Amino acid sequence: MENNVKTLPAEELLPQLLSLLDRTDAVPLTVTGSSMTPFLQPERDTVYLKKQDAPVKPGDIVLYKRSNGQYILHRVYGLAPDGLQLIGDGQTGIEPGVAPESVLAVACAVRRNGKLLRPGHPVWFFYEKLWLRMIPLRPRIRGLMRRIKGK
């Protein structure tokens, strides 16, 4: 039997995903964008999202909706009086002032290279704690990683 896969635009898929969050523990979502590289690769990795049941904290990966209607998966950098500070693992610019109520779900696991990672796993810990604090060095580190992989 052939496995039929249909790709839906985020504006169609995510409302359905959000309704599933009310009925199940975790909902898988294939990563499509590149803002969370190098931790998450588009089309390779799947993030498992759960309904937010506690306040988010720095290091959490969250799905949120921007005021322009875009759905974004980024990491919480910090908490500030004007809102959350969010950033993609592949970015160097922090998005400030994100309203906490715009967070729709929190990542509870990731299937990366076929392996299931959860908070506490060494790779997860590296990106959650260390990579998050290395923002100015990210372009140099990623360039070095590309050169190493190219050899």
N, C-alpha and C. Protein backbone atom coordinates (compact mmCIF):
# COMPACT_ATOMS: atom_id res chain seq x y z
N MET A 1 0.84 -1.17 0.00
CA MET A 1 0.00 0.00 0.00
C MET A 1 0.89 1.24 0.00
N GLU A 2 0.57 2.21 -0.82
CA GLU A 2 1.35 3.43 -0.94
C GLU A 2 0.96 4.41 0.16
N ASN A 3 1.96 5.06 0.75
CA ASN A 3 1.72 6.05 1.79
C ASN A 3 1.52 7.41 1.14
N ASN A 4 0.32 7.94 1.22
CA ASN A 4 0.03 9.25 0.65
C ASN A 4 0.30 10.33 1.68
N VAL A 5 1.15 11.27 1.31
CA VAL A 5 1.48 12.38 2.19
C VAL A 5 1.00 13.65 1.51
N LYS A 6 0.27 14.45 2.24
CA LYS A 6 -0.23 15.70 1.71
C LYS A 6 0.33 16.84 2.55
N THR A 7 0.90 17.81 1.89
CA THR A 7 1.43 18.98 2.58
C THR A 7 0.37 20.07 2.53
N LEU A 8 0.06 20.60 3.71
CA LEU A 8 -0.93 21.66 3.79
C LEU A 8 -0.26 22.96 4.20
N PRO A 9 -0.77 24.10 3.72
CA PRO A 9 -0.24 25.37 4.21
C PRO A 9 -0.56 25.53 5.69
N ALA A 10 0.31 26.26 6.39
CA ALA A 10 0.18 26.42 7.84
C ALA A 10 -1.20 26.95 8.23
N GLU A 11 -1.75 27.86 7.46
CA GLU A 11 -3.04 28.44 7.83
C GLU A 11 -4.18 27.42 7.79
N GLU A 12 -3.99 26.31 7.06
CA GLU A 12 -4.98 25.23 7.05
C GLU A 12 -4.66 24.17 8.10
N LEU A 13 -3.39 23.82 8.21
CA LEU A 13 -2.97 22.73 9.08
C LEU A 13 -3.03 23.08 10.56
N LEU A 14 -2.53 24.25 10.90
CA LEU A 14 -2.35 24.55 12.32
C LEU A 14 -3.65 24.69 13.11
N PRO A 15 -4.73 25.23 12.57
CA PRO A 15 -5.98 25.20 13.34
C PRO A 15 -6.42 23.77 13.66
N GLN A 16 -6.20 22.83 12.73
CA GLN A 16 -6.54 21.43 12.99
C GLN A 16 -5.62 20.86 14.07
N LEU A 17 -4.34 21.18 13.98
CA LEU A 17 -3.37 20.72 14.97
C LEU A 17 -3.76 21.23 16.36
N LEU A 18 -4.14 22.50 16.44
CA LEU A 18 -4.49 23.08 17.73
C LEU A 18 -5.72 22.41 18.33
N SER A 19 -6.68 22.03 17.49
CA SER A 19 -7.86 21.33 18.03
C SER A 19 -7.47 19.95 18.55
N LEU A 20 -6.46 19.31 17.93
CA LEU A 20 -5.99 18.01 18.41
C LEU A 20 -5.31 18.12 19.77
N LEU A 21 -4.69 19.25 20.05
CA LEU A 21 -3.99 19.43 21.33
C LEU A 21 -4.94 19.28 22.51
N ASP A 22 -6.20 19.61 22.31
CA ASP A 22 -7.18 19.48 23.39
C ASP A 22 -7.58 18.03 23.63
N ARG A 23 -7.28 17.14 22.66
CA ARG A 23 -7.75 15.76 22.75
C ARG A 23 -6.65 14.73 22.91
N THR A 24 -5.40 15.13 22.88
CA THR A 24 -4.31 14.16 22.94
C THR A 24 -3.11 14.74 23.69
N ASP A 25 -2.19 13.87 24.06
CA ASP A 25 -1.02 14.31 24.83
C ASP A 25 -0.03 15.12 24.01
N ALA A 26 0.24 14.68 22.79
CA ALA A 26 1.21 15.36 21.94
C ALA A 26 0.84 15.18 20.47
N VAL A 27 1.09 16.21 19.69
CA VAL A 27 0.77 16.20 18.27
C VAL A 27 2.06 16.40 17.48
N PRO A 28 2.37 15.49 16.52
CA PRO A 28 3.58 15.65 15.74
C PRO A 28 3.41 16.69 14.63
N LEU A 29 4.47 17.44 14.39
CA LEU A 29 4.49 18.43 13.32
C LEU A 29 5.86 18.38 12.65
N THR A 30 5.88 18.10 11.36
CA THR A 30 7.13 18.06 10.63
C THR A 30 7.65 19.49 10.48
N VAL A 31 8.92 19.67 10.77
CA VAL A 31 9.54 20.99 10.66
C VAL A 31 9.69 21.34 9.19
N THR A 32 9.27 22.56 8.82
CA THR A 32 9.37 22.98 7.42
C THR A 32 10.29 24.19 7.24
N GLY A 33 10.42 25.03 8.23
CA GLY A 33 11.26 26.21 8.10
C GLY A 33 12.67 25.95 8.59
N SER A 34 13.57 26.90 8.33
CA SER A 34 14.97 26.72 8.70
C SER A 34 15.41 27.56 9.89
N SER A 35 14.51 28.29 10.52
CA SER A 35 14.93 29.17 11.61
C SER A 35 15.42 28.43 12.85
N MET A 36 15.09 27.15 12.98
CA MET A 36 15.53 26.38 14.15
C MET A 36 16.72 25.47 13.86
N THR A 37 17.36 25.66 12.69
CA THR A 37 18.60 24.92 12.44
C THR A 37 19.69 25.54 13.30
N PRO A 38 20.63 24.82 13.77
CA PRO A 38 20.98 23.46 13.42
C PRO A 38 20.27 22.38 14.23
N PHE A 39 19.53 22.74 15.29
CA PHE A 39 18.86 21.71 16.09
C PHE A 39 17.81 20.97 15.28
N LEU A 40 16.96 21.71 14.59
CA LEU A 40 15.89 21.11 13.80
C LEU A 40 16.11 21.42 12.33
N GLN A 41 16.08 20.37 11.51
CA GLN A 41 16.26 20.53 10.07
C GLN A 41 14.91 20.38 9.38
N PRO A 42 14.63 21.27 8.41
CA PRO A 42 13.36 21.16 7.68
C PRO A 42 13.25 19.83 6.95
N GLU A 43 12.04 19.26 6.99
CA GLU A 43 11.69 18.01 6.33
C GLU A 43 12.37 16.78 6.93
N ARG A 44 13.36 16.94 7.80
CA ARG A 44 14.03 15.81 8.43
C ARG A 44 13.43 15.52 9.80
N ASP A 45 13.13 16.57 10.55
CA ASP A 45 12.76 16.43 11.95
C ASP A 45 11.28 16.67 12.19
N THR A 46 10.80 16.05 13.24
CA THR A 46 9.41 16.22 13.69
C THR A 46 9.44 16.70 15.13
N VAL A 47 8.67 17.72 15.40
CA VAL A 47 8.54 18.22 16.77
C VAL A 47 7.19 17.75 17.30
N TYR A 48 7.17 17.32 18.55
CA TYR A 48 5.94 16.89 19.21
C TYR A 48 5.50 18.01 20.13
N LEU A 49 4.31 18.51 19.87
CA LEU A 49 3.79 19.66 20.60
C LEU A 49 2.71 19.22 21.58
N LYS A 50 2.71 19.89 22.72
CA LYS A 50 1.66 19.64 23.72
C LYS A 50 1.06 20.98 24.11
N LYS A 51 -0.11 20.89 24.66
CA LYS A 51 -0.78 22.08 25.16
C LYS A 51 0.04 22.68 26.28
N GLN A 52 0.14 23.98 26.29
CA GLN A 52 0.90 24.67 27.34
C GLN A 52 0.16 24.53 28.66
N ASP A 53 0.82 23.87 29.64
CA ASP A 53 0.16 23.66 30.92
C ASP A 53 0.87 24.36 32.07
N ALA A 54 1.91 25.12 31.76
CA ALA A 54 2.66 25.88 32.76
C ALA A 54 3.28 27.08 32.06
N PRO A 55 3.65 28.11 32.80
CA PRO A 55 4.32 29.24 32.15
C PRO A 55 5.60 28.78 31.45
N VAL A 56 5.86 29.36 30.29
CA VAL A 56 7.08 29.00 29.56
C VAL A 56 8.29 29.58 30.29
N LYS A 57 9.45 28.97 29.99
CA LYS A 57 10.70 29.43 30.61
C LYS A 57 11.77 29.48 29.54
N PRO A 58 12.85 30.22 29.78
CA PRO A 58 13.92 30.27 28.80
C PRO A 58 14.40 28.86 28.44
N GLY A 59 14.60 28.66 27.15
CA GLY A 59 15.02 27.37 26.63
C GLY A 59 13.89 26.56 26.04
N ASP A 60 12.64 26.83 26.42
CA ASP A 60 11.49 26.11 25.86
C ASP A 60 11.35 26.42 24.38
N ILE A 61 10.93 25.42 23.61
CA ILE A 61 10.58 25.62 22.21
C ILE A 61 9.06 25.77 22.16
N VAL A 62 8.60 26.87 21.55
CA VAL A 62 7.17 27.16 21.53
C VAL A 62 6.68 27.40 20.11
N LEU A 63 5.43 27.03 19.89
CA LEU A 63 4.72 27.39 18.68
C LEU A 63 3.86 28.59 19.04
N TYR A 64 4.02 29.68 18.30
CA TYR A 64 3.23 30.86 18.60
C TYR A 64 2.72 31.48 17.31
N LYS A 65 1.75 32.36 17.46
CA LYS A 65 1.16 33.03 16.31
C LYS A 65 1.48 34.51 16.40
N ARG A 66 2.14 35.01 15.37
CA ARG A 66 2.46 36.43 15.31
C ARG A 66 1.20 37.24 15.01
N SER A 67 1.27 38.53 15.28
CA SER A 67 0.11 39.38 15.04
C SER A 67 -0.26 39.43 13.55
N ASN A 68 0.69 39.11 12.66
CA ASN A 68 0.39 39.09 11.22
C ASN A 68 -0.22 37.77 10.77
N GLY A 69 -0.44 36.83 11.72
CA GLY A 69 -1.06 35.55 11.42
C GLY A 69 -0.08 34.42 11.16
N GLN A 70 1.22 34.71 11.10
CA GLN A 70 2.23 33.67 10.88
C GLN A 70 2.36 32.78 12.10
N TYR A 71 2.48 31.47 11.85
CA TYR A 71 2.77 30.50 12.91
C TYR A 71 4.28 30.25 12.91
N ILE A 72 4.90 30.36 14.06
CA ILE A 72 6.36 30.28 14.17
C ILE A 72 6.74 29.33 15.30
N LEU A 73 7.79 28.55 15.06
CA LEU A 73 8.36 27.69 16.08
C LEU A 73 9.73 28.27 16.44
N HIS A 74 9.86 28.79 17.66
CA HIS A 74 11.11 29.38 18.14
C HIS A 74 11.34 29.00 19.59
N ARG A 75 12.48 29.40 20.08
CA ARG A 75 12.88 29.10 21.45
C ARG A 75 12.72 30.36 22.31
N VAL A 76 12.30 30.17 23.56
CA VAL A 76 12.19 31.30 24.49
C VAL A 76 13.61 31.67 24.93
N TYR A 77 13.97 32.91 24.67
CA TYR A 77 15.27 33.43 25.10
C TYR A 77 15.16 34.01 26.51
N GLY A 78 14.10 34.77 26.73
CA GLY A 78 13.94 35.40 28.03
C GLY A 78 12.52 35.89 28.25
N LEU A 79 12.30 36.33 29.48
CA LEU A 79 11.02 36.88 29.88
C LEU A 79 11.26 38.34 30.26
N ALA A 80 10.44 39.24 29.76
CA ALA A 80 10.61 40.66 30.03
C ALA A 80 9.26 41.28 30.36
N PRO A 81 9.25 42.46 30.95
CA PRO A 81 7.97 43.10 31.29
C PRO A 81 7.05 43.31 30.08
N ASP A 82 7.64 43.52 28.90
CA ASP A 82 6.81 43.75 27.71
C ASP A 82 6.44 42.47 26.98
N GLY A 83 6.85 41.30 27.49
CA GLY A 83 6.50 40.03 26.87
C GLY A 83 7.68 39.09 26.74
N LEU A 84 7.46 38.02 26.00
CA LEU A 84 8.50 37.03 25.81
C LEU A 84 9.53 37.50 24.78
N GLN A 85 10.75 37.04 24.95
CA GLN A 85 11.81 37.26 23.97
C GLN A 85 12.07 35.91 23.32
N LEU A 86 11.90 35.84 21.99
CA LEU A 86 12.01 34.57 21.28
C LEU A 86 13.08 34.66 20.20
N ILE A 87 13.67 33.50 19.88
CA ILE A 87 14.69 33.45 18.85
C ILE A 87 14.75 32.04 18.27
N GLY A 88 15.00 31.95 16.98
CA GLY A 88 15.25 30.67 16.35
C GLY A 88 16.69 30.26 16.60
N ASP A 89 16.94 28.96 16.65
CA ASP A 89 18.30 28.48 16.90
C ASP A 89 19.25 28.86 15.77
N GLY A 90 18.73 29.15 14.59
CA GLY A 90 19.56 29.54 13.47
C GLY A 90 19.65 31.04 13.28
N GLN A 91 19.19 31.80 14.24
CA GLN A 91 19.14 33.25 14.11
C GLN A 91 20.02 33.95 15.14
N THR A 92 20.26 35.23 14.90
CA THR A 92 21.03 36.04 15.85
C THR A 92 20.22 37.22 16.38
N GLY A 93 19.03 37.43 15.85
CA GLY A 93 18.16 38.51 16.30
C GLY A 93 17.05 38.00 17.19
N ILE A 94 16.91 38.64 18.34
CA ILE A 94 15.86 38.26 19.30
C ILE A 94 14.59 39.03 18.97
N GLU A 95 13.47 38.32 18.95
CA GLU A 95 12.17 38.96 18.74
C GLU A 95 11.60 39.32 20.11
N PRO A 96 11.52 40.61 20.43
CA PRO A 96 11.03 41.00 21.76
C PRO A 96 9.52 41.23 21.77
N GLY A 97 8.97 41.31 22.97
CA GLY A 97 7.60 41.74 23.16
C GLY A 97 6.52 40.82 22.64
N VAL A 98 6.78 39.52 22.61
CA VAL A 98 5.76 38.56 22.17
C VAL A 98 4.82 38.29 23.33
N ALA A 99 3.55 38.51 23.11
CA ALA A 99 2.56 38.32 24.17
C ALA A 99 2.51 36.85 24.59
N PRO A 100 2.59 36.57 25.89
CA PRO A 100 2.54 35.17 26.34
C PRO A 100 1.30 34.42 25.86
N GLU A 101 0.18 35.12 25.69
CA GLU A 101 -1.04 34.45 25.23
C GLU A 101 -0.98 34.06 23.75
N SER A 102 0.05 34.51 23.02
CA SER A 102 0.18 34.09 21.62
C SER A 102 0.86 32.72 21.49
N VAL A 103 1.37 32.19 22.61
CA VAL A 103 1.95 30.85 22.61
C VAL A 103 0.82 29.84 22.55
N LEU A 104 0.88 28.96 21.56
CA LEU A 104 -0.18 27.98 21.34
C LEU A 104 0.16 26.60 21.84
N ALA A 105 1.47 26.27 21.84
CA ALA A 105 1.90 24.94 22.26
C ALA A 105 3.39 24.97 22.60
N VAL A 106 3.82 23.94 23.30
CA VAL A 106 5.22 23.81 23.72
C VAL A 106 5.74 22.45 23.25
N ALA A 107 6.98 22.43 22.78
CA ALA A 107 7.58 21.17 22.35
C ALA A 107 7.90 20.30 23.56
N CYS A 108 7.51 19.04 23.49
CA CYS A 108 7.80 18.10 24.58
C CYS A 108 8.75 16.99 24.12
N ALA A 109 8.98 16.91 22.81
CA ALA A 109 9.91 15.92 22.26
C ALA A 109 10.20 16.30 20.81
N VAL A 110 11.27 15.72 20.29
CA VAL A 110 11.66 15.93 18.90
C VAL A 110 12.18 14.61 18.35
N ARG A 111 11.74 14.26 17.15
CA ARG A 111 12.33 13.13 16.46
C ARG A 111 13.34 13.74 15.50
N ARG A 112 14.63 13.52 15.82
CA ARG A 112 15.75 14.13 15.09
C ARG A 112 16.63 13.00 14.57
N ASN A 113 16.81 12.95 13.25
CA ASN A 113 17.60 11.86 12.65
C ASN A 113 17.06 10.50 13.08
N GLY A 114 15.74 10.41 13.24
CA GLY A 114 15.13 9.13 13.60
C GLY A 114 15.15 8.80 15.08
N LYS A 115 15.80 9.61 15.89
CA LYS A 115 15.88 9.34 17.34
C LYS A 115 14.98 10.32 18.09
N LEU A 116 14.28 9.79 19.09
CA LEU A 116 13.40 10.62 19.89
C LEU A 116 14.19 11.28 21.00
N LEU A 117 14.17 12.61 21.03
CA LEU A 117 14.85 13.39 22.06
C LEU A 117 13.82 14.10 22.91
N ARG A 118 14.09 14.13 24.19
CA ARG A 118 13.21 14.83 25.14
C ARG A 118 14.06 15.78 25.98
N PRO A 119 13.41 16.73 26.65
CA PRO A 119 14.20 17.58 27.55
C PRO A 119 15.01 16.72 28.51
N GLY A 120 16.26 17.12 28.70
CA GLY A 120 17.17 16.35 29.54
C GLY A 120 18.18 15.56 28.72
N HIS A 121 17.84 15.24 27.46
CA HIS A 121 18.79 14.55 26.58
C HIS A 121 19.98 15.51 26.34
N PRO A 122 21.21 14.98 26.26
CA PRO A 122 22.38 15.86 26.09
C PRO A 122 22.30 16.82 24.90
N VAL A 123 21.76 16.37 23.76
CA VAL A 123 21.64 17.26 22.60
C VAL A 123 20.62 18.36 22.90
N TRP A 124 19.50 17.98 23.49
CA TRP A 124 18.47 18.97 23.85
C TRP A 124 19.06 19.97 24.84
N PHE A 125 19.77 19.47 25.83
CA PHE A 125 20.38 20.32 26.85
C PHE A 125 21.34 21.33 26.21
N PHE A 126 22.16 20.87 25.25
CA PHE A 126 23.11 21.77 24.60
C PHE A 126 22.40 22.96 23.97
N TYR A 127 21.34 22.69 23.19
CA TYR A 127 20.64 23.79 22.52
C TYR A 127 19.82 24.62 23.49
N GLU A 128 19.24 23.99 24.48
CA GLU A 128 18.40 24.69 25.45
C GLU A 128 19.21 25.61 26.36
N LYS A 129 20.37 25.19 26.77
CA LYS A 129 21.16 25.94 27.76
C LYS A 129 22.37 26.66 27.16
N LEU A 130 23.15 25.94 26.35
CA LEU A 130 24.41 26.51 25.87
C LEU A 130 24.25 27.30 24.57
N TRP A 131 23.67 26.68 23.55
CA TRP A 131 23.50 27.35 22.26
C TRP A 131 22.70 28.63 22.42
N LEU A 132 21.74 28.63 23.31
CA LEU A 132 20.90 29.80 23.56
C LEU A 132 21.73 31.00 24.01
N ARG A 133 22.84 30.74 24.68
CA ARG A 133 23.69 31.82 25.20
C ARG A 133 24.85 32.17 24.27
N MET A 134 24.92 31.53 23.12
CA MET A 134 26.04 31.73 22.20
C MET A 134 25.64 32.54 20.97
N ILE A 135 24.65 33.39 21.09
CA ILE A 135 24.10 34.10 19.94
C ILE A 135 25.17 34.84 19.12
N PRO A 136 26.07 35.61 19.72
CA PRO A 136 27.05 36.32 18.89
C PRO A 136 28.01 35.38 18.15
N LEU A 137 28.20 34.18 18.67
CA LEU A 137 29.14 33.23 18.06
C LEU A 137 28.49 32.31 17.03
N ARG A 138 27.17 32.30 16.96
CA ARG A 138 26.46 31.35 16.10
C ARG A 138 26.92 31.36 14.64
N PRO A 139 27.05 32.53 14.00
CA PRO A 139 27.48 32.50 12.59
C PRO A 139 28.85 31.86 12.40
N ARG A 140 29.78 32.14 13.27
CA ARG A 140 31.12 31.54 13.16
C ARG A 140 31.09 30.04 13.40
N ILE A 141 30.34 29.62 14.40
CA ILE A 141 30.25 28.19 14.72
C ILE A 141 29.59 27.44 13.57
N ARG A 142 28.52 28.00 13.03
CA ARG A 142 27.83 27.34 11.91
C ARG A 142 28.71 27.28 10.68
N GLY A 143 29.49 28.34 10.43
CA GLY A 143 30.44 28.31 9.32
C GLY A 143 31.49 27.22 9.51
N LEU A 144 31.97 27.09 10.71
CA LEU A 144 32.96 26.05 11.03
C LEU A 144 32.32 24.66 10.84
N MET A 145 31.10 24.50 11.30
CA MET A 145 30.39 23.22 11.14
C MET A 145 30.23 22.87 9.67
N ARG A 146 29.90 23.87 8.83
CA ARG A 146 29.74 23.62 7.40
C ARG A 146 31.07 23.19 6.77
N ARG A 147 32.16 23.84 7.18
CA ARG A 147 33.47 23.48 6.63
C ARG A 147 33.86 22.07 7.03
N ILE A 148 33.57 21.70 8.28
CA ILE A 148 33.90 20.35 8.73
C ILE A 148 33.10 19.30 7.98
N LYS A 149 31.80 19.56 7.79
CA LYS A 149 30.94 18.61 7.07
C LYS A 149 31.32 18.52 5.60
N GLY A 150 31.86 19.61 5.04
CA GLY A 150 32.24 19.64 3.63
C GLY A 150 33.47 18.85 3.30
N LYS A 151 34.25 18.53 4.31
CA LYS A 151 35.50 17.78 4.09
C LYS A 151 35.28 16.30 4.09
